[in-house]
Amino acid sequence: MTAARILFASLLVALWLGLCLTTWLAQRRKRLQAAHEAASLIPAADGVAPWLVVYASQTGQAEEIAWQTARALHTAGVPARVASLSEIDTDALLQTERALFIVSTYGEGDPPDNAALFAGKAMRQTPALAHLHYGLLMLGDREYKHFCGFGRTLQGWLQSCAAQPLFDAIAVSNGDTAALHDWQHQLNRIAGTSDVPDWQGPPYRPWRLAARRHLNPGSAGSPVFHLELEAEDDETPQWEAGDLVQIIAPGDPHKPREYSVASIPADGRIHLLVRQERHPNGTLGVASGWLTEHAPLETTIDLRLRAHGNFRIGNNAQRPLILIGNGTGLAGLRSHLKARAANGIMRNWLIFGERQIAHDFHYRDEIEAWQAQGLLTQADIVFSRDQEKRLYVQDRLRERAEEVRVWLDEGAALYVCGSLEGMAGGVEAALKEMIGEEKVERLIEQGRYRRDVY
């Protein structure tokens, strides 16, 4: 090997090590910041047992409110400890006298992923909790048949254990401010104060619709569009792979729509992958129709970023990744692949499903380029309608069962993005068949099985 080649190889190794170190330091800094914030809440009043503030959150809203709740108590001199429901078991509740639960519902009455273990284990028992006094805030959407379904299930379980409610459970539909004010009122009573500040999420900012491209002309499915948005103000927006955006569509300001971000900050724009929704009467969905058809290019769109801790890379930055999804769920997976490419992390496996290769292979050029570059160790693209028997990602997962087990044994993390009905449930069922329910639960506990499904 020539001296020049040795030097070049050494530089590549140094660059790779530098990227690894940068990623590790960033993750460590975030963990230390979170630990510092958590610790700072507890000693607000010496000798007083902290209130336990527990959240069950899928997209981050319940977690955000839990931290706001804890900070409000801390400011009033009431110590508080924040934990996800997955970190709590019956032993913890047996030792707790005061708790506030902030829980969302997933799908049709299901618990969020970070509450599934509690629901599957602790809630199968009926411990004596007569000593526990609690408040309950339930987040949901009244358009669903089982509005706040998991919150009501948790309420019933707490009642069956003889826990004592401090006040009537409060149900919030789509961030209803009146219901949140009721929660703040109850916090004022608990804290003995009347000056808990109003809670506001991050402000919506103006973004410009800079590009729009129809990705699947001729498809048997609904049209899918790639959108690009640029911030109109001078502040540089930051987000992480796995995060979401909320968009307010004209004519429906009280119900923001959430979309998975398909890009990283280095792209300079927020990319979205949006499928048109069409109602039975032929009209387009309010948000998807506006974004994909009615809004001209250069239109100003009110948008805010939402951190999605459940689907961020977290402690999995250096692990191999198995990325599984279907349809527009490719958006969240694409952001992770882009982040991995930027950091030079090569061991990634994409399992993705759509209808037909001729029309529905979204971002094909990118995916094939990542394969050629070695970023994608393996790519299994499943097209359900290109053969007589319908095939889906969960079928391909079963076909690759042995390889999946090998990857998981080597420490891989699983990220699933796409439809809750059909795909996500099918993937989970396949995983339980392949590795057993106990190992799936362990992956959840370790943060190695994460989902962004809708």
Protein backbone atom coordinates (compact mmCIF):
# COMPACT_ATOMS: atom_id res chain seq x y z
CA MET A 1 0.00 0.00 0.00
CA THR A 2 1.38 3.43 -0.95
CA ALA A 3 1.97 6.14 1.61
CA ALA A 4 -0.84 8.19 0.05
CA ARG A 5 -3.31 5.34 0.44
CA ILE A 6 -2.25 4.74 4.03
CA LEU A 7 -2.73 8.45 4.77
CA PHE A 8 -6.15 8.46 3.09
CA ALA A 9 -7.25 5.37 5.01
CA SER A 10 -6.02 6.92 8.27
CA LEU A 11 -7.98 10.09 7.57
CA LEU A 12 -11.14 8.07 6.90
CA VAL A 13 -10.73 6.18 10.17
CA ALA A 14 -10.10 9.44 12.04
CA LEU A 15 -13.20 11.00 10.47
CA TRP A 16 -15.34 8.01 11.41
CA LEU A 17 -14.04 8.04 15.00
CA GLY A 18 -14.71 11.76 15.17
CA LEU A 19 -18.30 11.29 14.03
CA CYS A 20 -18.82 8.50 16.57
CA LEU A 21 -17.39 10.67 19.36
CA THR A 22 -19.56 13.64 18.35
CA THR A 23 -22.71 11.48 18.38
CA TRP A 24 -21.80 9.95 21.75
CA LEU A 25 -21.08 13.33 23.33
CA ALA A 26 -24.37 14.78 22.05
CA GLN A 27 -26.36 11.87 23.48
CA ARG A 28 -24.45 12.04 26.77
CA ARG A 29 -25.10 15.78 27.04
CA LYS A 30 -28.85 15.22 26.54
CA ARG A 31 -28.93 12.44 29.15
CA LEU A 32 -27.07 14.57 31.69
CA GLN A 33 -29.37 17.53 31.02
CA ALA A 34 -32.47 15.36 31.50
CA ALA A 35 -31.04 13.84 34.69
CA HIS A 36 -30.15 17.30 36.04
CA GLU A 37 -33.64 18.62 35.32
CA ALA A 38 -35.26 15.59 36.94
CA ALA A 39 -33.07 15.85 40.03
CA SER A 40 -33.68 19.58 40.41
CA LEU A 41 -37.42 19.04 40.87
CA ILE A 42 -37.21 16.75 43.89
CA PRO A 43 -35.58 18.82 46.67
CA ALA A 44 -38.06 21.70 46.57
CA ALA A 45 -39.15 20.98 50.16
CA ASP A 46 -36.93 19.04 52.53
CA GLY A 47 -38.53 16.15 54.38
CA VAL A 48 -41.60 16.08 52.11
CA ALA A 49 -42.14 13.02 49.95
CA PRO A 50 -42.27 14.05 46.29
CA TRP A 51 -45.40 13.77 44.21
CA LEU A 52 -45.09 11.13 41.53
CA VAL A 53 -45.94 12.59 38.11
CA VAL A 54 -46.45 9.72 35.66
CA TYR A 55 -46.99 9.95 31.91
CA ALA A 56 -48.00 7.56 29.16
CA SER A 57 -47.19 9.25 25.88
CA GLN A 58 -46.86 8.18 22.26
CA THR A 59 -46.04 11.38 20.39
CA GLY A 60 -44.77 13.45 23.32
CA GLN A 61 -47.74 15.60 24.35
CA ALA A 62 -48.49 13.77 27.61
CA GLU A 63 -44.80 13.78 28.50
CA GLU A 64 -44.60 17.53 27.85
CA ILE A 65 -47.61 18.18 30.11
CA ALA A 66 -46.10 15.92 32.79
CA TRP A 67 -42.94 18.02 32.89
CA GLN A 68 -44.98 21.25 32.92
CA THR A 69 -46.99 19.82 35.82
CA ALA A 70 -43.86 18.89 37.76
CA ARG A 71 -42.26 22.30 37.16
CA ALA A 72 -45.43 24.05 38.35
CA LEU A 73 -45.42 22.01 41.58
CA HIS A 74 -41.70 22.63 42.07
CA THR A 75 -42.12 26.39 41.64
CA ALA A 76 -44.74 26.32 44.40
CA GLY A 77 -42.37 24.43 46.72
CA VAL A 78 -43.88 20.98 46.17
CA PRO A 79 -41.25 18.34 45.22
CA ALA A 80 -42.06 16.13 42.26
CA ARG A 81 -40.59 13.15 40.44
CA VAL A 82 -41.39 12.50 36.76
CA ALA A 83 -41.46 9.00 35.30
CA SER A 84 -43.00 7.21 32.35
CA LEU A 85 -45.58 4.55 33.18
CA SER A 86 -43.15 1.91 31.90
CA GLU A 87 -40.78 2.85 34.75
CA ILE A 88 -43.47 2.23 37.39
CA ASP A 89 -44.65 -1.06 38.85
CA THR A 90 -47.04 -2.05 41.64
CA ASP A 91 -44.22 -1.96 44.22
CA ALA A 92 -43.61 1.70 43.39
CA LEU A 93 -47.32 2.53 43.77
CA LEU A 94 -47.47 0.65 47.08
CA GLN A 95 -44.88 3.12 48.38
CA THR A 96 -46.49 6.23 46.89
CA GLU A 97 -49.11 8.38 48.61
CA ARG A 98 -49.66 11.09 45.99
CA ALA A 99 -49.53 10.71 42.22
CA LEU A 100 -50.65 12.52 39.11
CA PHE A 101 -51.22 10.50 35.95
CA ILE A 102 -51.13 12.13 32.49
CA VAL A 103 -51.97 9.50 29.89
CA SER A 104 -52.82 9.43 26.21
CA THR A 105 -54.64 6.75 24.25
CA TYR A 106 -53.33 5.08 21.13
CA GLY A 107 -55.53 3.88 18.29
CA GLU A 108 -58.87 2.53 19.47
CA GLY A 109 -58.37 2.53 23.22
CA ASP A 110 -54.85 1.05 23.39
CA PRO A 111 -52.07 2.15 25.75
CA PRO A 112 -49.10 4.03 24.30
CA ASP A 113 -45.99 1.94 23.77
CA ASN A 114 -44.37 3.26 26.96
CA ALA A 115 -47.37 2.05 28.97
CA ALA A 116 -47.83 -1.36 27.34
CA LEU A 117 -45.71 -3.20 29.91
CA PHE A 118 -47.56 -1.60 32.83
CA ALA A 119 -50.90 -2.44 31.22
CA GLY A 120 -49.82 -6.01 30.52
CA LYS A 121 -48.29 -6.72 33.93
CA ALA A 122 -49.22 -4.34 36.74
CA MET A 123 -52.83 -3.89 35.61
CA ARG A 124 -53.38 -7.65 35.67
CA GLN A 125 -52.97 -7.46 39.45
CA THR A 126 -55.19 -5.75 42.00
CA PRO A 127 -52.89 -4.41 44.72
CA ALA A 128 -54.36 -2.61 47.74
CA LEU A 129 -53.83 1.09 46.98
CA ALA A 130 -56.22 2.73 49.45
CA HIS A 131 -53.31 4.89 50.64
CA LEU A 132 -52.75 6.32 47.12
CA HIS A 133 -54.37 9.67 46.33
CA TYR A 134 -54.24 10.52 42.65
CA GLY A 135 -55.27 12.89 39.88
CA LEU A 136 -55.82 11.79 36.30
CA LEU A 137 -55.54 13.77 33.05
CA MET A 138 -56.61 11.82 29.95
CA LEU A 139 -55.63 12.94 26.45
CA GLY A 140 -57.49 11.80 23.34
CA ASP A 141 -59.62 12.68 20.35
CA ARG A 142 -63.43 12.68 20.52
CA GLU A 143 -63.60 11.51 16.91
CA TYR A 144 -62.45 8.07 18.05
CA LYS A 145 -65.06 5.62 19.26
CA HIS A 146 -63.06 4.84 22.40
CA PHE A 147 -62.27 8.42 23.39
CA CYS A 148 -59.56 8.40 26.09
CA GLY A 149 -59.97 4.63 26.18
CA PHE A 150 -56.72 3.82 27.94
CA GLY A 151 -57.18 6.67 30.41
CA ARG A 152 -60.59 5.29 31.36
CA THR A 153 -59.14 1.78 31.64
CA LEU A 154 -56.45 3.10 33.99
CA GLN A 155 -59.11 4.97 35.98
CA GLY A 156 -61.14 1.77 36.37
CA TRP A 157 -58.07 -0.14 37.50
CA LEU A 158 -57.14 2.47 40.09
CA GLN A 159 -60.70 2.39 41.42
CA SER A 160 -60.62 -1.42 41.60
CA CYS A 161 -57.47 -1.10 43.73
CA ALA A 162 -59.29 1.32 46.08
CA ALA A 163 -57.03 4.27 45.18
CA GLN A 164 -58.57 7.63 46.16
CA PRO A 165 -59.20 10.27 43.44
CA LEU A 166 -58.36 13.81 44.43
CA PHE A 167 -60.82 15.17 41.86
CA ASP A 168 -62.83 13.95 38.88
CA ALA A 169 -60.71 12.71 35.99
CA ILE A 170 -60.20 15.38 33.30
CA ALA A 171 -60.52 14.42 29.63
CA VAL A 172 -58.82 16.54 26.95
CA SER A 173 -59.70 16.30 23.27
CA ASN A 174 -57.07 17.62 20.85
CA GLY A 175 -55.41 19.92 23.38
CA ASP A 176 -58.65 21.60 24.48
CA THR A 177 -57.53 24.65 26.46
CA ALA A 178 -60.59 24.71 28.76
CA ALA A 179 -59.85 21.17 29.95
CA LEU A 180 -56.17 22.00 30.46
CA HIS A 181 -57.21 25.03 32.52
CA ASP A 182 -59.23 22.66 34.72
CA TRP A 183 -56.04 20.66 35.29
CA GLN A 184 -54.13 23.85 36.14
CA HIS A 185 -56.88 24.79 38.58
CA GLN A 186 -56.46 21.48 40.36
CA LEU A 187 -52.69 21.99 40.48
CA ASN A 188 -53.28 25.39 42.09
CA ARG A 189 -55.32 23.67 44.80
CA ILE A 190 -52.63 21.03 45.36
CA ALA A 191 -49.84 23.61 45.49
CA GLY A 192 -51.82 26.12 47.54
CA THR A 193 -51.23 28.86 45.01
CA SER A 194 -53.14 30.68 42.29
CA ASP A 195 -50.34 31.78 40.01
CA VAL A 196 -49.48 28.69 37.98
CA PRO A 197 -48.74 30.20 34.55
CA ASP A 198 -50.83 29.28 31.53
CA TRP A 199 -49.31 26.47 29.53
CA GLN A 200 -48.53 27.06 25.92
CA GLY A 201 -46.84 24.80 23.45
CA PRO A 202 -44.13 26.08 21.12
CA PRO A 203 -45.53 28.83 18.89
CA TYR A 204 -46.49 28.12 15.30
CA ARG A 205 -44.13 29.74 12.84
CA PRO A 206 -44.56 30.68 9.20
CA TRP A 207 -43.08 28.23 6.68
CA ARG A 208 -43.09 28.50 2.90
CA LEU A 209 -44.30 25.63 0.73
CA ALA A 210 -41.19 25.49 -1.45
CA ALA A 211 -41.69 22.28 -3.43
CA ARG A 212 -44.30 19.61 -4.10
CA ARG A 213 -43.92 16.45 -6.17
CA HIS A 214 -46.45 13.73 -6.97
CA LEU A 215 -44.62 10.46 -6.28
CA ASN A 216 -47.03 7.76 -7.47
CA PRO A 217 -48.94 8.72 -10.65
CA GLY A 218 -50.93 5.75 -11.92
CA SER A 219 -51.03 4.05 -8.51
CA ALA A 220 -54.02 2.00 -7.44
CA GLY A 221 -53.77 3.81 -4.12
CA SER A 222 -54.39 7.42 -3.20
CA PRO A 223 -51.89 10.01 -4.48
CA VAL A 224 -48.75 10.49 -2.37
CA PHE A 225 -46.78 13.75 -2.43
CA HIS A 226 -43.31 14.79 -1.36
CA LEU A 227 -43.45 18.30 0.17
CA GLU A 228 -40.63 20.65 1.12
CA LEU A 229 -41.05 23.59 3.49
CA GLU A 230 -38.65 26.42 4.32
CA ALA A 231 -38.75 28.58 7.44
CA GLU A 232 -39.65 32.18 6.59
CA ASP A 233 -37.95 33.79 9.59
CA ASP A 234 -34.24 34.01 10.28
CA GLU A 235 -34.16 31.59 13.21
CA THR A 236 -32.57 28.28 12.22
CA PRO A 237 -35.00 25.49 13.15
CA GLN A 238 -33.60 22.35 14.73
CA TRP A 239 -35.08 18.88 15.00
CA GLU A 240 -33.95 15.27 15.19
CA ALA A 241 -34.66 12.25 13.04
CA GLY A 242 -37.96 10.78 14.23
CA ASP A 243 -39.59 14.11 15.13
CA LEU A 244 -43.03 15.32 14.04
CA VAL A 245 -44.56 18.55 12.80
CA GLN A 246 -47.97 19.98 13.56
CA ILE A 247 -49.71 21.95 10.83
CA ILE A 248 -52.80 24.13 11.03
CA ALA A 249 -54.95 23.96 7.92
CA PRO A 250 -57.29 26.82 6.95
CA GLY A 251 -60.84 26.22 8.10
CA ASP A 252 -59.84 23.95 10.98
CA PRO A 253 -57.59 25.90 13.35
CA HIS A 254 -58.52 23.85 16.42
CA LYS A 255 -57.29 20.50 15.12
CA PRO A 256 -53.64 20.56 14.06
CA ARG A 257 -52.50 17.61 11.91
CA GLU A 258 -49.30 15.75 12.71
CA TYR A 259 -46.85 14.40 10.13
CA SER A 260 -43.55 12.55 10.48
CA VAL A 261 -40.57 14.60 9.33
CA ALA A 262 -38.73 12.91 6.43
CA SER A 263 -35.55 15.02 6.51
CA ILE A 264 -32.78 16.23 8.82
CA PRO A 265 -31.70 19.83 9.54
CA ALA A 266 -28.72 19.48 7.18
CA ASP A 267 -31.25 19.28 4.30
CA GLY A 268 -32.21 22.89 5.04
CA ARG A 269 -35.91 22.12 4.64
CA ILE A 270 -38.58 20.05 6.32
CA HIS A 271 -39.65 17.22 4.03
CA LEU A 272 -43.05 15.57 4.42
CA LEU A 273 -44.62 12.54 2.76
CA VAL A 274 -48.38 13.12 2.57
CA ARG A 275 -51.09 10.88 1.17
CA GLN A 276 -54.30 12.52 0.01
CA GLU A 277 -57.31 11.58 2.09
CA ARG A 278 -60.58 11.47 0.17
CA HIS A 279 -63.94 11.24 1.91
CA PRO A 280 -66.79 8.97 0.68
CA ASN A 281 -68.49 12.02 -0.87
CA GLY A 282 -65.44 12.67 -3.03
CA THR A 283 -64.09 15.70 -1.17
CA LEU A 284 -60.47 15.84 -0.07
CA GLY A 285 -59.41 15.84 3.56
CA VAL A 286 -59.04 19.34 5.01
CA ALA A 287 -55.29 19.17 5.71
CA SER A 288 -54.07 16.64 3.14
CA GLY A 289 -56.15 18.22 0.37
CA TRP A 290 -54.84 21.68 1.19
CA LEU A 291 -51.20 20.60 1.38
CA THR A 292 -51.21 18.42 -1.74
CA GLU A 293 -53.60 20.24 -4.07
CA HIS A 294 -55.23 23.49 -2.98
CA ALA A 295 -52.28 25.44 -1.55
CA PRO A 296 -50.19 27.05 -4.33
CA LEU A 297 -46.42 26.90 -4.10
CA GLU A 298 -44.99 29.73 -1.98
CA THR A 299 -48.04 29.55 0.32
CA THR A 300 -47.30 30.38 3.97
CA ILE A 301 -48.08 27.47 6.28
CA ASP A 302 -48.32 27.68 10.08
CA LEU A 303 -46.15 24.89 11.44
CA ARG A 304 -44.41 23.88 14.64
CA LEU A 305 -41.99 21.08 15.38
CA ARG A 306 -42.78 18.49 18.03
CA ALA A 307 -40.02 16.45 19.63
CA HIS A 308 -40.95 12.76 19.43
CA GLY A 309 -38.82 11.15 22.11
CA ASN A 310 -40.35 7.71 21.54
CA PHE A 311 -39.08 7.63 17.96
CA ARG A 312 -35.77 9.48 18.26
CA ILE A 313 -32.57 7.48 18.08
CA GLY A 314 -31.87 7.95 21.80
CA ASN A 315 -29.40 5.38 23.11
CA ASN A 316 -29.54 3.41 19.87
CA ALA A 317 -27.18 5.69 17.96
CA GLN A 318 -24.44 3.09 17.59
CA ARG A 319 -26.67 0.03 17.28
CA PRO A 320 -27.59 -1.70 14.03
CA LEU A 321 -31.09 -0.60 12.97
CA ILE A 322 -33.93 -2.61 11.48
CA LEU A 323 -36.33 -0.05 9.98
CA ILE A 324 -39.81 -1.37 9.18
CA GLY A 325 -42.74 0.47 7.64
CA ASN A 326 -45.30 0.91 4.92
CA GLY A 327 -46.86 3.69 2.86
CA THR A 328 -46.12 7.20 4.06
CA GLY A 329 -44.46 5.67 7.11
CA LEU A 330 -41.34 5.74 4.97
CA ALA A 331 -41.05 9.40 6.04
CA GLY A 332 -39.92 8.64 9.59
CA LEU A 333 -37.60 5.87 8.41
CA ARG A 334 -36.07 8.14 5.76
CA SER A 335 -35.11 10.71 8.39
CA HIS A 336 -33.25 8.05 10.35
CA LEU A 337 -31.49 6.77 7.25
CA LYS A 338 -30.43 10.31 6.37
CA ALA A 339 -29.08 10.82 9.89
CA ARG A 340 -27.21 7.52 9.75
CA ALA A 341 -25.72 8.44 6.38
CA ALA A 342 -24.58 11.81 7.74
CA ASN A 343 -22.88 10.07 10.68
CA GLY A 344 -21.34 7.29 8.59
CA ILE A 345 -23.17 4.51 10.45
CA MET A 346 -23.52 1.71 7.94
CA ARG A 347 -25.39 -1.24 9.49
CA ASN A 348 -29.03 -0.64 8.54
CA TRP A 349 -31.80 -2.89 7.24
CA LEU A 350 -34.93 -1.50 5.60
CA ILE A 351 -38.11 -3.58 5.30
CA PHE A 352 -40.76 -1.50 3.54
CA GLY A 353 -44.10 -2.24 1.89
CA GLU A 354 -46.29 -0.58 -0.74
CA ARG A 355 -48.63 -1.66 -3.54
CA GLN A 356 -46.79 -1.90 -6.89
CA ILE A 357 -43.16 -1.43 -7.86
CA ALA A 358 -44.16 0.35 -11.06
CA HIS A 359 -45.87 3.22 -9.22
CA ASP A 360 -45.25 3.10 -5.47
CA PHE A 361 -41.50 2.75 -4.93
CA HIS A 362 -41.11 6.09 -3.12
CA TYR A 363 -37.58 7.54 -2.99
CA ARG A 364 -36.31 4.65 -5.11
CA ASP A 365 -33.21 6.49 -6.32
CA GLU A 366 -32.19 7.31 -2.76
CA ILE A 367 -32.76 3.81 -1.47
CA GLU A 368 -30.81 2.21 -4.32
CA ALA A 369 -27.99 4.74 -3.84
CA TRP A 370 -27.82 3.92 -0.11
CA GLN A 371 -27.59 0.25 -1.02
CA ALA A 372 -24.76 0.92 -3.49
CA GLN A 373 -22.91 3.00 -0.88
CA GLY A 374 -23.24 0.26 1.75
CA LEU A 375 -25.41 2.37 4.07
CA LEU A 376 -28.20 -0.18 3.63
CA THR A 377 -26.81 -3.58 4.45
CA GLN A 378 -30.10 -5.03 3.30
CA ALA A 379 -33.29 -3.64 1.74
CA ASP A 380 -36.42 -5.76 1.47
CA ILE A 381 -39.07 -3.84 -0.47
CA VAL A 382 -42.38 -5.70 -0.51
CA PHE A 383 -45.06 -4.84 -3.07
CA SER A 384 -48.34 -6.41 -2.02
CA ARG A 385 -50.02 -6.43 -5.44
CA ASP A 386 -47.21 -7.54 -7.72
CA GLN A 387 -48.07 -11.23 -7.32
CA GLU A 388 -51.21 -13.28 -7.03
CA LYS A 389 -50.89 -13.73 -3.28
CA ARG A 390 -50.79 -10.49 -1.30
CA LEU A 391 -47.51 -10.07 0.59
CA TYR A 392 -46.85 -7.57 3.36
CA VAL A 393 -43.89 -6.50 5.48
CA GLN A 394 -44.84 -8.86 8.30
CA ASP A 395 -44.69 -11.75 5.80
CA ARG A 396 -41.18 -10.74 4.75
CA LEU A 397 -40.22 -10.41 8.40
CA ARG A 398 -41.26 -14.02 8.99
CA GLU A 399 -39.30 -15.13 5.93
CA ARG A 400 -36.21 -13.43 7.37
CA ALA A 401 -36.79 -14.70 10.91
CA GLU A 402 -33.35 -16.21 11.37
CA GLU A 403 -31.58 -13.06 10.15
CA VAL A 404 -33.78 -10.90 12.40
CA ARG A 405 -32.84 -13.03 15.40
CA VAL A 406 -29.14 -12.68 14.54
CA TRP A 407 -29.41 -8.89 14.25
CA LEU A 408 -31.28 -8.65 17.55
CA ASP A 409 -28.74 -10.89 19.28
CA GLU A 410 -26.08 -8.47 18.04
CA GLY A 411 -27.89 -5.57 19.70
CA ALA A 412 -30.04 -4.18 16.85
CA ALA A 413 -32.94 -1.82 17.52
CA LEU A 414 -36.29 -1.99 15.71
CA TYR A 415 -38.05 1.16 14.45
CA VAL A 416 -41.55 0.79 12.99
CA CYS A 417 -43.35 3.60 11.13
CA GLY A 418 -46.64 3.50 9.24
CA SER A 419 -50.21 2.30 9.66
CA LEU A 420 -51.35 1.07 13.07
CA GLU A 421 -54.04 -1.14 11.58
CA GLY A 422 -52.64 -4.10 9.68
CA MET A 423 -48.94 -3.33 9.42
CA ALA A 424 -47.90 -2.41 12.98
CA GLY A 425 -50.08 -5.07 14.58
CA GLY A 426 -48.90 -7.64 12.03
CA VAL A 427 -45.25 -6.78 12.67
CA GLU A 428 -45.68 -7.12 16.43
CA ALA A 429 -47.48 -10.46 16.05
CA ALA A 430 -44.68 -11.71 13.79
CA LEU A 431 -42.01 -10.60 16.28
CA LYS A 432 -43.75 -12.41 19.13
CA GLU A 433 -43.89 -15.58 17.01
CA MET A 434 -40.21 -15.26 16.10
CA ILE A 435 -38.60 -14.36 19.42
CA GLY A 436 -41.34 -14.73 22.02
CA GLU A 437 -43.49 -12.21 23.89
CA GLU A 438 -41.03 -11.92 26.78
CA LYS A 439 -38.17 -10.87 24.48
CA VAL A 440 -40.41 -8.32 22.74
CA GLU A 441 -41.23 -6.83 26.16
CA ARG A 442 -37.53 -6.72 26.96
CA LEU A 443 -36.85 -4.82 23.73
CA ILE A 444 -39.48 -2.26 24.78
CA GLU A 445 -37.93 -1.95 28.25
CA GLN A 446 -34.50 -1.39 26.69
CA GLY A 447 -35.81 1.24 24.27
CA ARG A 448 -34.85 -1.00 21.34
CA TYR A 449 -38.39 -1.35 19.94
CA ARG A 450 -39.88 2.01 18.98
CA ARG A 451 -42.93 2.92 16.92
CA ASP A 452 -44.41 5.91 15.13
CA VAL A 453 -47.70 4.47 13.90
CA TYR A 454 -51.08 6.02 13.19
